[in-house]
């Protein structure tokens, strides 16, 4: 399985970006979650959102809730992270990851083990 990310870039505070994570290859059972992580310089990698592609259950951490939305397009095998009202603290490298989970399991179960990673994409927010 391969995850290819797109989107990202340099924006000003208050603007929006949409990141994409396209899944290709053999996903075996087809039951998996996509998680978005980010890592800022000098900080640990942080999980910020997830979605189960089985039943679209989602989770977004409190610090970005209301600004970030995660969604999926099953036909395109793509997961999106819509990021609005960006601020300087959102500056980071963003990664998507795939985790095999059981059917109808909450997507956060994917935090236990990630089976594949995207290449990462830089998001820079200027203030």
Foldseek 3Di string as FASTA:
>chain_A
DAWAKDKADEEAAQAKIKMKIADDDDPDPLWKKKWKWWDDPPDDIGTAKMATPQPGAMDGDPVQPPFWDWDDDVVRRMIMIIGGRDDQVPWTWMKMFMAHDDHPDHNCVRVVDTDYIYPTYTHGYHD
